[in-house]
Protein backbone atom coordinates (compact mmCIF):
# COMPACT_ATOMS: atom_id res chain seq x y z
CA MET A 1 -2.37 37.73 -4.42
CA SER A 2 -1.14 34.26 -2.68
CA THR A 3 1.95 32.25 -2.91
CA THR A 4 2.38 28.70 -2.07
CA LEU A 5 5.44 27.05 -0.01
CA TYR A 6 5.49 23.42 -0.63
CA ARG A 7 6.85 20.93 1.95
CA LYS A 8 8.05 17.23 0.94
CA ALA A 9 7.50 14.21 2.95
CA HIS A 10 7.52 10.22 2.36
CA PHE A 11 6.00 7.52 4.14
CA ASN A 12 6.13 3.81 3.87
CA ALA A 13 2.39 1.66 4.15
CA ALA A 14 0.76 -1.66 3.87
CA HIS A 15 -2.87 -1.77 2.90
CA ARG A 16 -5.47 -3.61 0.99
CA LEU A 17 -8.36 -2.44 -0.99
CA TYR A 18 -11.62 -4.26 -0.35
CA HIS A 19 -15.64 -4.13 0.37
CA PRO A 20 -16.06 -5.80 3.43
CA GLU A 21 -19.68 -6.60 2.10
CA TRP A 22 -18.21 -7.82 -1.11
CA SER A 23 -17.26 -11.36 -2.22
CA ASP A 24 -13.20 -11.85 -3.20
CA GLU A 25 -14.20 -12.19 -6.53
CA LYS A 26 -15.86 -8.89 -6.61
CA ASN A 27 -13.21 -7.68 -4.93
CA ALA A 28 -10.47 -9.05 -7.35
CA ALA A 29 -12.65 -7.52 -10.06
CA VAL A 30 -12.66 -4.21 -9.49
CA PHE A 31 -9.28 -3.76 -7.09
CA GLY A 32 -7.40 -6.52 -8.80
CA LYS A 33 -4.21 -7.14 -7.56
CA CYS A 34 -4.21 -4.67 -4.76
CA SER A 35 -7.84 -6.68 -3.17
CA ASN A 36 -5.02 -9.36 -1.82
CA PRO A 37 -5.94 -10.51 1.24
CA ASN A 38 -2.45 -10.52 2.57
CA TYR A 39 -1.76 -6.65 1.37
CA HIS A 40 0.87 -4.96 -0.47
CA GLY A 41 3.07 -1.76 -0.04
CA HIS A 42 4.13 1.22 -1.92
CA ASN A 43 6.44 3.86 -0.86
CA TYR A 44 4.43 7.48 -0.71
CA GLU A 45 5.59 10.25 -1.19
CA LEU A 46 3.53 13.34 -0.41
CA GLU A 47 3.73 17.22 -1.47
CA VAL A 48 1.93 19.49 0.65
CA GLY A 49 1.29 23.34 0.14
CA ILE A 50 0.06 26.08 1.72
CA THR A 51 -1.09 28.93 -0.40
CA GLY A 52 -1.81 32.74 1.63
CA PRO A 53 -0.28 35.96 1.65
CA ILE A 54 3.36 36.35 2.64
CA ASP A 55 3.93 37.65 5.43
CA PRO A 56 5.54 41.87 4.97
CA VAL A 57 7.63 40.95 8.63
CA THR A 58 9.23 37.80 8.00
CA GLY A 59 8.71 37.45 3.86
CA MET A 60 7.16 33.62 4.72
CA VAL A 61 4.00 32.12 3.61
CA MET A 62 4.32 29.89 6.80
CA ASP A 63 7.51 29.08 8.87
CA VAL A 64 8.26 25.65 6.85
CA ALA A 65 9.47 24.20 10.27
CA ILE A 66 5.97 24.32 11.69
CA LEU A 67 4.87 22.60 8.71
CA LYS A 68 7.44 20.33 8.51
CA SER A 69 6.60 19.33 12.34
CA LEU A 70 3.09 19.52 11.36
CA ILE A 71 3.74 17.01 8.43
CA LYS A 72 5.55 14.59 10.98
CA GLU A 73 2.96 14.49 13.74
CA GLU A 74 0.05 14.08 11.14
CA VAL A 75 1.31 11.81 8.41
CA GLU A 76 4.41 10.63 8.72
CA ASP A 77 4.22 9.18 12.94
CA PRO A 78 0.83 7.75 12.22
CA PHE A 79 1.04 5.89 8.86
CA ASP A 80 4.65 5.20 8.55
CA HIS A 81 5.78 1.94 8.49
CA LYS A 82 2.08 0.83 9.41
CA ASN A 83 -0.79 -1.11 7.91
CA LEU A 84 -3.40 0.90 6.83
CA ASN A 85 -6.55 -1.05 6.93
CA LEU A 86 -5.19 -2.12 11.02
CA GLU A 87 -3.29 0.03 12.30
CA VAL A 88 -4.79 3.46 11.16
CA SER A 89 -8.09 4.58 12.79
CA GLU A 90 -9.29 6.70 9.86
CA PHE A 91 -9.20 3.37 7.09
CA LYS A 92 -11.21 1.09 9.68
CA THR A 93 -14.21 1.95 7.60
CA LEU A 94 -12.67 3.80 4.74
CA ILE A 95 -11.40 2.01 1.93
CA PRO A 96 -7.49 3.53 1.67
CA THR A 97 -6.90 3.93 -1.95
CA VAL A 98 -4.88 6.68 -3.00
CA GLU A 99 -7.93 9.15 -2.91
CA ASN A 100 -8.88 8.41 0.58
CA ILE A 101 -5.36 8.91 1.76
CA ALA A 102 -4.87 12.07 0.47
CA LYS A 103 -8.49 13.02 1.62
CA VAL A 104 -7.13 11.90 5.50
CA ILE A 105 -3.79 13.53 5.12
CA TRP A 106 -5.72 16.90 4.20
CA GLU A 107 -8.47 16.86 6.97
CA LYS A 108 -5.57 16.43 9.76
CA LEU A 109 -3.92 19.23 8.45
CA ARG A 110 -6.82 21.53 7.86
CA ALA A 111 -7.46 20.81 11.63
CA ARG A 112 -4.04 22.05 12.59
CA ILE A 113 -3.61 25.16 10.22
CA ASP A 114 -5.43 28.39 9.97
CA THR A 115 -8.59 28.48 7.41
CA ASN A 116 -7.12 31.98 5.91
CA TYR A 117 -4.41 29.43 4.42
CA GLY A 118 -5.26 26.89 1.55
CA ILE A 119 -3.97 23.57 1.70
CA ILE A 120 -2.74 21.67 -1.31
CA VAL A 121 -2.38 17.63 -1.02
CA LYS A 122 -0.54 15.88 -3.70
CA LEU A 123 0.12 11.71 -3.04
CA TYR A 124 1.95 10.07 -5.25
CA GLU A 125 0.94 5.95 -4.70
CA THR A 126 3.86 5.20 -7.56
CA PRO A 127 6.00 7.48 -9.72
CA ARG A 128 3.13 7.11 -11.93
CA ASN A 129 -0.03 7.35 -9.74
CA PHE A 130 -1.19 9.99 -7.76
CA VAL A 131 -3.68 12.39 -6.74
CA VAL A 132 -4.39 15.80 -5.66
CA HIS A 133 -6.84 16.93 -2.94
CA GLN A 134 -7.57 20.88 -2.00
CA GLY A 135 -10.50 20.21 0.20
């Protein structure tokens, strides 16, 4: 039996969706206004779920203070108020779609959290557009 503990977080970031080998016209056709050469921003809302057994001694799946700290170190500090394309190394060669951002967040947390725990990353780019990544 397992339980999932969730922690919410928030960050603001700018990005541009474009494929460098395509023309501006093709990028605009595929990514629309999100391919604006001057970038655009979002107020991202993040939910991270940690799934595992409840520890019989502590009564917790994971210490939420530890999860809060990991999210701050791996997501908020490196992503908040940044241009993802220009300032975040993972997106130098990876298009920073909401799908790829969620995948990168999952990978960063997976490297820091025991593999006995499942990780769920739910990332809202807008109140109506979001993805869920589970590795």
